[in-house]
Amino acid sequence: MAKKKSKDDAAAVSVPDPRQPLPPEPASWNLVYAGLEAVVADLSPPVEPKVPDFVECLLHIYFADGLPCGYGQEARRRIAESYVDRNEFRVTEAYEVEDLLRDLAIPGLFDRCLAVRESVAQIYNDQNGVNLTFLREAGISDRNTFFQRVPAVRPHVATFLQNLLTVDEIVFSDKSTLRAQQRIGIEPKDTAAQQFLERARVLLKPFGHLPLEVGKHLGGGKPNLTHALSPACLLVRLAPGGKKRG
């Protein structure tokens, strides 16, 4: 049963959307790299590079879409601290997650919580677990087929994950990434673009994945708004179709 809009929705934050796609040109490379340097300076890389957690990426964009990444970071922190594991979170009702996050005043919060619950349930049914690690090694056709099997994953979230997977490949793969670059509109002979990618690879190599964080968690449950976007979301801005919605 659909839930009525809460008073918190009416008082939701209203900020410019920082996620609009950028054209593949030198100004974009410079803008994104400057953002990457600034955010990474406030992050501590793991002792050993970590593999990406694409379920976290899914949760992140559901709660941060249209907002600074600090909202997604704080939402994910609360969920991780409030539930023993993802299996417990999987069977939690959407209104319970809404109550957990209500003070963040995220626009359309209940709808986002419901979408998360439905998405996680379908992922579990498809994979017999809440895990998307397989997507990193899957081919494009297999990724597309998977998202067709889990229609609860909203189109803008599927597009975000697809673009994130492409960028992850470009930054961390030891194999040729020319096809992946072309998927997001980067020309192999574009010297400025290749220089940008090489600098980004060096900067992010210690992490082993594209961080979703923008800095340390703040006290009092406040979202960290020091930087608008995380390294992952900064790079996804370079992918065409990054703002498709459904």
C-alpha atoms as a PDB file:
ATOM      1  CA  MET A   1       0.000   0.000   0.000  1.00  0.00           C
ATOM      2  CA  ALA A   2       1.373   3.378  -1.001  1.00  0.00           C
ATOM      3  CA  LYS A   3       2.287   5.644   1.865  1.00  0.00           C
ATOM      4  CA  LYS A   4       1.228   9.257   2.086  1.00  0.00           C
ATOM      5  CA  LYS A   5       3.891  11.898   1.745  1.00  0.00           C
ATOM      6  CA  SER A   6       5.342  12.765   5.126  1.00  0.00           C
ATOM      7  CA  LYS A   7       5.921  16.216   6.526  1.00  0.00           C
ATOM      8  CA  ASP A   8       9.620  15.516   6.187  1.00  0.00           C
ATOM      9  CA  ASP A   9       9.221  15.201   2.423  1.00  0.00           C
ATOM     10  CA  ALA A  10       7.707  18.677   2.332  1.00  0.00           C
ATOM     11  CA  ALA A  11      10.697  20.019   4.234  1.00  0.00           C
ATOM     12  CA  ALA A  12      13.202  18.048   2.186  1.00  0.00           C
ATOM     13  CA  VAL A  13      16.511  19.512   1.212  1.00  0.00           C
ATOM     14  CA  SER A  14      16.552  21.518  -1.989  1.00  0.00           C
ATOM     15  CA  VAL A  15      19.997  21.764  -3.532  1.00  0.00           C
ATOM     16  CA  PRO A  16      21.293  21.933  -7.110  1.00  0.00           C
ATOM     17  CA  ASP A  17      21.786  18.477  -8.597  1.00  0.00           C
ATOM     18  CA  PRO A  18      25.576  17.933  -8.751  1.00  0.00           C
ATOM     19  CA  ARG A  19      25.303  14.844 -10.959  1.00  0.00           C
ATOM     20  CA  GLN A  20      24.611  16.288 -14.391  1.00  0.00           C
ATOM     21  CA  PRO A  21      26.727  14.580 -17.088  1.00  0.00           C
ATOM     22  CA  LEU A  22      29.770  16.354 -18.473  1.00  0.00           C
ATOM     23  CA  PRO A  23      30.784  16.466 -22.154  1.00  0.00           C
ATOM     24  CA  PRO A  24      33.981  14.577 -23.125  1.00  0.00           C
ATOM     25  CA  GLU A  25      36.277  17.582 -23.445  1.00  0.00           C
ATOM     26  CA  PRO A  26      39.414  18.967 -21.723  1.00  0.00           C
ATOM     27  CA  ALA A  27      37.429  21.255 -19.434  1.00  0.00           C
ATOM     28  CA  SER A  28      35.594  18.204 -18.087  1.00  0.00           C
ATOM     29  CA  TRP A  29      38.799  16.240 -17.511  1.00  0.00           C
ATOM     30  CA  ASN A  30      40.293  19.160 -15.606  1.00  0.00           C
ATOM     31  CA  LEU A  31      37.158  19.714 -13.534  1.00  0.00           C
ATOM     32  CA  VAL A  32      36.813  16.071 -12.566  1.00  0.00           C
ATOM     33  CA  TYR A  33      40.484  15.587 -11.749  1.00  0.00           C
ATOM     34  CA  ALA A  34      40.515  18.660  -9.530  1.00  0.00           C
ATOM     35  CA  GLY A  35      37.496  17.214  -7.720  1.00  0.00           C
ATOM     36  CA  LEU A  36      39.161  13.818  -7.392  1.00  0.00           C
ATOM     37  CA  GLU A  37      42.307  15.321  -5.886  1.00  0.00           C
ATOM     38  CA  ALA A  38      40.299  17.334  -3.368  1.00  0.00           C
ATOM     39  CA  VAL A  39      38.179  14.387  -2.201  1.00  0.00           C
ATOM     40  CA  VAL A  40      40.988  11.834  -2.111  1.00  0.00           C
ATOM     41  CA  ALA A  41      42.982  14.202   0.111  1.00  0.00           C
ATOM     42  CA  ASP A  42      40.264  13.706   2.740  1.00  0.00           C
ATOM     43  CA  LEU A  43      40.113   9.900   2.423  1.00  0.00           C
ATOM     44  CA  SER A  44      42.316   7.209   3.921  1.00  0.00           C
ATOM     45  CA  PRO A  45      43.033   4.321   1.550  1.00  0.00           C
ATOM     46  CA  PRO A  46      42.705   0.796   2.993  1.00  0.00           C
ATOM     47  CA  VAL A  47      45.774  -1.098   4.144  1.00  0.00           C
ATOM     48  CA  GLU A  48      45.226  -3.377   1.145  1.00  0.00           C
ATOM     49  CA  PRO A  49      43.257  -2.361  -1.983  1.00  0.00           C
ATOM     50  CA  LYS A  50      39.626  -3.484  -1.674  1.00  0.00           C
ATOM     51  CA  VAL A  51      37.315  -4.910  -4.313  1.00  0.00           C
ATOM     52  CA  PRO A  52      34.234  -2.800  -5.040  1.00  0.00           C
ATOM     53  CA  ASP A  53      30.947  -3.554  -3.314  1.00  0.00           C
ATOM     54  CA  PHE A  54      28.272  -2.881  -5.913  1.00  0.00           C
ATOM     55  CA  VAL A  55      25.416  -3.415  -3.459  1.00  0.00           C
ATOM     56  CA  GLU A  56      26.803  -0.444  -1.529  1.00  0.00           C
ATOM     57  CA  CYS A  57      26.900   1.455  -4.814  1.00  0.00           C
ATOM     58  CA  LEU A  58      23.235   0.595  -5.377  1.00  0.00           C
ATOM     59  CA  LEU A  59      22.258   1.798  -1.897  1.00  0.00           C
ATOM     60  CA  HIS A  60      24.358   4.900  -2.341  1.00  0.00           C
ATOM     61  CA  ILE A  61      22.726   6.135  -5.520  1.00  0.00           C
ATOM     62  CA  TYR A  62      19.213   5.354  -4.321  1.00  0.00           C
ATOM     63  CA  PHE A  63      19.691   7.686  -1.367  1.00  0.00           C
ATOM     64  CA  ALA A  64      22.077  10.233  -2.932  1.00  0.00           C
ATOM     65  CA  ASP A  65      20.484  10.649  -6.355  1.00  0.00           C
ATOM     66  CA  GLY A  66      20.008  14.364  -7.011  1.00  0.00           C
ATOM     67  CA  LEU A  67      21.920  15.207  -3.822  1.00  0.00           C
ATOM     68  CA  PRO A  68      25.509  15.525  -2.598  1.00  0.00           C
ATOM     69  CA  CYS A  69      27.138  12.179  -1.836  1.00  0.00           C
ATOM     70  CA  GLY A  70      27.200  12.920   1.888  1.00  0.00           C
ATOM     71  CA  TYR A  71      23.538  11.922   2.076  1.00  0.00           C
ATOM     72  CA  GLY A  72      24.219   8.507   0.573  1.00  0.00           C
ATOM     73  CA  GLN A  73      27.269   8.057   2.785  1.00  0.00           C
ATOM     74  CA  GLU A  74      25.334   8.808   5.973  1.00  0.00           C
ATOM     75  CA  ALA A  75      22.385   6.623   4.918  1.00  0.00           C
ATOM     76  CA  ARG A  76      24.707   3.692   4.242  1.00  0.00           C
ATOM     77  CA  ARG A  77      26.481   4.186   7.567  1.00  0.00           C
ATOM     78  CA  ARG A  78      23.220   4.044   9.506  1.00  0.00           C
ATOM     79  CA  ILE A  79      22.035   0.966   7.643  1.00  0.00           C
ATOM     80  CA  ALA A  80      25.342  -0.834   8.261  1.00  0.00           C
ATOM     81  CA  GLU A  81      25.226  -0.013  11.972  1.00  0.00           C
ATOM     82  CA  SER A  82      21.533  -0.847  12.432  1.00  0.00           C
ATOM     83  CA  TYR A  83      21.385  -4.286  10.800  1.00  0.00           C
ATOM     84  CA  VAL A  84      23.463  -7.351  11.583  1.00  0.00           C
ATOM     85  CA  ASP A  85      23.906  -8.198   7.913  1.00  0.00           C
ATOM     86  CA  ARG A  86      22.270  -7.726   4.545  1.00  0.00           C
ATOM     87  CA  ASN A  87      19.989 -10.675   5.106  1.00  0.00           C
ATOM     88  CA  GLU A  88      18.421  -8.892   8.077  1.00  0.00           C
ATOM     89  CA  PHE A  89      18.210  -5.693   6.054  1.00  0.00           C
ATOM     90  CA  ARG A  90      16.599  -7.614   3.182  1.00  0.00           C
ATOM     91  CA  VAL A  91      13.535  -8.530   5.284  1.00  0.00           C
ATOM     92  CA  THR A  92      13.162  -5.083   6.835  1.00  0.00           C
ATOM     93  CA  GLU A  93      10.075  -3.055   5.913  1.00  0.00           C
ATOM     94  CA  ALA A  94      10.539   0.146   3.930  1.00  0.00           C
ATOM     95  CA  TYR A  95       8.895   2.272   6.629  1.00  0.00           C
ATOM     96  CA  GLU A  96      11.469   1.047   9.170  1.00  0.00           C
ATOM     97  CA  VAL A  97      14.316   2.255   6.958  1.00  0.00           C
ATOM     98  CA  GLU A  98      12.433   5.501   6.418  1.00  0.00           C
ATOM     99  CA  ASP A  99      12.233   6.010  10.191  1.00  0.00           C
ATOM    100  CA  LEU A 100      15.965   5.370  10.462  1.00  0.00           C
ATOM    101  CA  LEU A 101      16.767   8.062   7.875  1.00  0.00           C
ATOM    102  CA  ARG A 102      13.896  10.497   8.381  1.00  0.00           C
ATOM    103  CA  ASP A 103      15.920  13.348   9.903  1.00  0.00           C
ATOM    104  CA  LEU A 104      18.104  13.520   6.779  1.00  0.00           C
ATOM    105  CA  ALA A 105      15.103  15.030   4.963  1.00  0.00           C
ATOM    106  CA  ILE A 106      15.916  13.247   1.704  1.00  0.00           C
ATOM    107  CA  PRO A 107      13.285  14.049  -0.948  1.00  0.00           C
ATOM    108  CA  GLY A 108      10.902  11.159  -1.656  1.00  0.00           C
ATOM    109  CA  LEU A 109      12.468   9.144   1.151  1.00  0.00           C
ATOM    110  CA  PHE A 110       9.782   6.480   1.486  1.00  0.00           C
ATOM    111  CA  ASP A 111       9.732   5.833  -2.266  1.00  0.00           C
ATOM    112  CA  ARG A 112      13.513   5.417  -2.197  1.00  0.00           C
ATOM    113  CA  CYS A 113      13.320   3.040   0.774  1.00  0.00           C
ATOM    114  CA  LEU A 114      10.640   0.978  -0.961  1.00  0.00           C
ATOM    115  CA  ALA A 115      12.689   0.835  -4.161  1.00  0.00           C
ATOM    116  CA  VAL A 116      15.725  -0.329  -2.191  1.00  0.00           C
ATOM    117  CA  ARG A 117      13.742  -3.059  -0.458  1.00  0.00           C
ATOM    118  CA  GLU A 118      12.275  -4.318  -3.743  1.00  0.00           C
ATOM    119  CA  SER A 119      15.662  -4.187  -5.487  1.00  0.00           C
ATOM    120  CA  VAL A 120      17.468  -6.077  -2.731  1.00  0.00           C
ATOM    121  CA  ALA A 121      14.717  -8.721  -2.659  1.00  0.00           C
ATOM    122  CA  GLN A 122      14.977  -9.348  -6.407  1.00  0.00           C
ATOM    123  CA  ILE A 123      18.779  -9.463  -6.277  1.00  0.00           C
ATOM    124  CA  TYR A 124      18.545 -12.067  -3.506  1.00  0.00           C
ATOM    125  CA  ASN A 125      16.056 -14.155  -5.466  1.00  0.00           C
ATOM    126  CA  ASP A 126      18.249 -14.006  -8.569  1.00  0.00           C
ATOM    127  CA  GLN A 127      21.618 -14.576  -6.909  1.00  0.00           C
ATOM    128  CA  ASN A 128      20.629 -16.501  -3.769  1.00  0.00           C
ATOM    129  CA  GLY A 129      22.374 -13.754  -1.834  1.00  0.00           C
ATOM    130  CA  VAL A 130      22.676  -9.989  -1.669  1.00  0.00           C
ATOM    131  CA  ASN A 131      25.870  -9.689  -3.661  1.00  0.00           C
ATOM    132  CA  LEU A 132      26.737  -8.121  -7.017  1.00  0.00           C
ATOM    133  CA  THR A 133      30.454  -8.909  -7.154  1.00  0.00           C
ATOM    134  CA  PHE A 134      29.938 -11.031 -10.282  1.00  0.00           C
ATOM    135  CA  LEU A 135      29.066  -7.923 -12.296  1.00  0.00           C
ATOM    136  CA  ARG A 136      32.689  -6.780 -12.351  1.00  0.00           C
ATOM    137  CA  GLU A 137      33.804  -9.750 -14.447  1.00  0.00           C
ATOM    138  CA  ALA A 138      30.565 -10.141 -16.418  1.00  0.00           C
ATOM    139  CA  GLY A 139      30.403  -9.091 -20.055  1.00  0.00           C
ATOM    140  CA  ILE A 140      28.138  -6.296 -21.257  1.00  0.00           C
ATOM    141  CA  SER A 141      25.440  -8.666 -22.530  1.00  0.00           C
ATOM    142  CA  ASP A 142      25.421 -10.583 -19.230  1.00  0.00           C
ATOM    143  CA  ARG A 143      25.116  -7.336 -17.278  1.00  0.00           C
ATOM    144  CA  ASN A 144      22.216  -6.224 -19.467  1.00  0.00           C
ATOM    145  CA  THR A 145      20.512  -9.582 -19.044  1.00  0.00           C
ATOM    146  CA  PHE A 146      20.885  -9.381 -15.275  1.00  0.00           C
ATOM    147  CA  PHE A 147      19.250  -5.959 -15.070  1.00  0.00           C
ATOM    148  CA  GLN A 148      16.408  -7.255 -17.231  1.00  0.00           C
ATOM    149  CA  ARG A 149      15.889 -10.029 -14.673  1.00  0.00           C
ATOM    150  CA  VAL A 150      15.699  -7.562 -11.781  1.00  0.00           C
ATOM    151  CA  PRO A 151      13.289  -4.845 -12.986  1.00  0.00           C
ATOM    152  CA  ALA A 152      12.852  -3.611  -9.408  1.00  0.00           C
ATOM    153  CA  VAL A 153      16.255  -1.937  -9.824  1.00  0.00           C
ATOM    154  CA  ARG A 154      15.114   1.426 -11.121  1.00  0.00           C
ATOM    155  CA  PRO A 155      16.403   2.461 -14.584  1.00  0.00           C
ATOM    156  CA  HIS A 156      18.476   5.376 -13.272  1.00  0.00           C
ATOM    157  CA  VAL A 157      20.123   3.063 -10.728  1.00  0.00           C
ATOM    158  CA  ALA A 158      20.839   0.386 -13.344  1.00  0.00           C
ATOM    159  CA  THR A 159      22.329   3.075 -15.597  1.00  0.00           C
ATOM    160  CA  PHE A 160      24.480   4.365 -12.746  1.00  0.00           C
ATOM    161  CA  LEU A 161      25.765   0.865 -11.987  1.00  0.00           C
ATOM    162  CA  GLN A 162      26.465   0.150 -15.659  1.00  0.00           C
ATOM    163  CA  ASN A 163      28.421   3.382 -15.999  1.00  0.00           C
ATOM    164  CA  LEU A 164      30.230   2.748 -12.719  1.00  0.00           C
ATOM    165  CA  LEU A 165      31.243  -0.712 -13.897  1.00  0.00           C
ATOM    166  CA  THR A 166      32.625   0.806 -17.107  1.00  0.00           C
ATOM    167  CA  VAL A 167      34.596   3.466 -15.248  1.00  0.00           C
ATOM    168  CA  ASP A 168      35.864   0.859 -12.765  1.00  0.00           C
ATOM    169  CA  GLU A 169      37.167  -1.189 -15.694  1.00  0.00           C
ATOM    170  CA  ILE A 170      38.882   1.833 -17.237  1.00  0.00           C
ATOM    171  CA  VAL A 171      40.617   2.787 -14.000  1.00  0.00           C
ATOM    172  CA  PHE A 172      41.594  -0.621 -12.601  1.00  0.00           C
ATOM    173  CA  SER A 173      41.768  -3.203 -15.397  1.00  0.00           C
ATOM    174  CA  ASP A 174      45.187  -4.446 -16.485  1.00  0.00           C
ATOM    175  CA  LYS A 175      43.760  -5.337 -19.903  1.00  0.00           C
ATOM    176  CA  SER A 176      43.023  -3.021 -22.808  1.00  0.00           C
ATOM    177  CA  THR A 177      40.229  -0.606 -21.904  1.00  0.00           C
ATOM    178  CA  LEU A 178      39.729   0.971 -25.338  1.00  0.00           C
ATOM    179  CA  ARG A 179      36.229  -0.462 -25.764  1.00  0.00           C
ATOM    180  CA  ALA A 180      35.247   0.621 -22.281  1.00  0.00           C
ATOM    181  CA  GLN A 181      36.558   4.116 -22.992  1.00  0.00           C
ATOM    182  CA  GLN A 182      34.555   4.293 -26.188  1.00  0.00           C
ATOM    183  CA  ARG A 183      31.398   3.310 -24.295  1.00  0.00           C
ATOM    184  CA  ILE A 184      31.591   6.567 -22.376  1.00  0.00           C
ATOM    185  CA  GLY A 185      32.729   8.648 -25.335  1.00  0.00           C
ATOM    186  CA  ILE A 186      36.493   8.806 -24.772  1.00  0.00           C
ATOM    187  CA  GLU A 187      38.541   8.661 -27.946  1.00  0.00           C
ATOM    188  CA  PRO A 188      41.792   6.637 -27.652  1.00  0.00           C
ATOM    189  CA  LYS A 189      43.660   9.335 -29.605  1.00  0.00           C
ATOM    190  CA  ASP A 190      42.465  12.130 -27.300  1.00  0.00           C
ATOM    191  CA  THR A 191      45.724  13.039 -25.597  1.00  0.00           C
ATOM    192  CA  ALA A 192      44.116  15.182 -22.904  1.00  0.00           C
ATOM    193  CA  ALA A 193      41.671  12.407 -22.014  1.00  0.00           C
ATOM    194  CA  GLN A 194      44.415   9.775 -21.834  1.00  0.00           C
ATOM    195  CA  GLN A 195      46.533  11.978 -19.596  1.00  0.00           C
ATOM    196  CA  PHE A 196      43.533  12.489 -17.330  1.00  0.00           C
ATOM    197  CA  LEU A 197      42.897   8.742 -17.119  1.00  0.00           C
ATOM    198  CA  GLU A 198      46.517   7.976 -16.304  1.00  0.00           C
ATOM    199  CA  ARG A 199      46.525  10.532 -13.483  1.00  0.00           C
ATOM    200  CA  ALA A 200      43.227   9.179 -12.162  1.00  0.00           C
ATOM    201  CA  ARG A 201      44.590   5.616 -12.173  1.00  0.00           C
ATOM    202  CA  VAL A 202      47.626   6.628 -10.137  1.00  0.00           C
ATOM    203  CA  LEU A 203      45.490   8.609  -7.692  1.00  0.00           C
ATOM    204  CA  LEU A 204      42.961   5.816  -7.077  1.00  0.00           C
ATOM    205  CA  LYS A 205      45.214   2.748  -7.303  1.00  0.00           C
ATOM    206  CA  PRO A 206      45.732   2.506  -3.499  1.00  0.00           C
ATOM    207  CA  PHE A 207      41.963   2.082  -3.021  1.00  0.00           C
ATOM    208  CA  GLY A 208      41.429  -0.738  -5.520  1.00  0.00           C
ATOM    209  CA  HIS A 209      37.887   0.506  -6.085  1.00  0.00           C
ATOM    210  CA  LEU A 210      36.040   3.760  -6.710  1.00  0.00           C
ATOM    211  CA  PRO A 211      35.281   5.257  -3.275  1.00  0.00           C
ATOM    212  CA  LEU A 212      31.741   6.417  -2.525  1.00  0.00           C
ATOM    213  CA  GLU A 213      32.845   8.480   0.475  1.00  0.00           C
ATOM    214  CA  VAL A 214      33.549  12.200   0.624  1.00  0.00           C
ATOM    215  CA  GLY A 215      35.397  12.223   3.944  1.00  0.00           C
ATOM    216  CA  LYS A 216      34.963  11.190   7.564  1.00  0.00           C
ATOM    217  CA  HIS A 217      31.578  10.611   9.121  1.00  0.00           C
ATOM    218  CA  LEU A 218      30.450  13.604  11.138  1.00  0.00           C
ATOM    219  CA  GLY A 219      29.058  13.514  14.635  1.00  0.00           C
ATOM    220  CA  GLY A 220      25.358  13.947  15.263  1.00  0.00           C
ATOM    221  CA  GLY A 221      24.329  11.992  12.193  1.00  0.00           C
ATOM    222  CA  LYS A 222      24.916  14.903   9.855  1.00  0.00           C
ATOM    223  CA  PRO A 223      25.850  14.282   6.212  1.00  0.00           C
ATOM    224  CA  ASN A 224      29.352  15.361   5.275  1.00  0.00           C
ATOM    225  CA  LEU A 225      28.935  18.104   2.686  1.00  0.00           C
ATOM    226  CA  THR A 226      32.589  19.125   2.415  1.00  0.00           C
ATOM    227  CA  HIS A 227      32.643  17.776  -1.139  1.00  0.00           C
ATOM    228  CA  ALA A 228      29.604  17.441  -3.376  1.00  0.00           C
ATOM    229  CA  LEU A 229      30.590  14.150  -5.001  1.00  0.00           C
ATOM    230  CA  SER A 230      32.658  11.097  -4.179  1.00  0.00           C
ATOM    231  CA  PRO A 231      35.385   9.844  -6.552  1.00  0.00           C
ATOM    232  CA  ALA A 232      32.970   7.253  -7.949  1.00  0.00           C
ATOM    233  CA  CYS A 233      30.255   9.785  -8.687  1.00  0.00           C
ATOM    234  CA  LEU A 234      32.680  12.354 -10.073  1.00  0.00           C
ATOM    235  CA  LEU A 235      33.861   9.847 -12.657  1.00  0.00           C
ATOM    236  CA  VAL A 236      30.342   8.686 -13.540  1.00  0.00           C
ATOM    237  CA  ARG A 237      29.565  12.275 -14.576  1.00  0.00           C
ATOM    238  CA  LEU A 238      31.769  11.601 -17.599  1.00  0.00           C
ATOM    239  CA  ALA A 239      29.508   8.774 -18.806  1.00  0.00           C
ATOM    240  CA  PRO A 240      26.693   9.643 -21.233  1.00  0.00           C
ATOM    241  CA  GLY A 241      23.175   8.882 -20.093  1.00  0.00           C
ATOM    242  CA  GLY A 242      24.152   9.187 -16.452  1.00  0.00           C
ATOM    243  CA  LYS A 243      20.854  10.850 -15.572  1.00  0.00           C
ATOM    244  CA  LYS A 244      18.401   8.484 -17.288  1.00  0.00           C
ATOM    245  CA  ARG A 245      15.406   7.865 -15.111  1.00  0.00           C
ATOM    246  CA  GLY A 246      12.357   5.705 -15.056  1.00  0.00           C
END
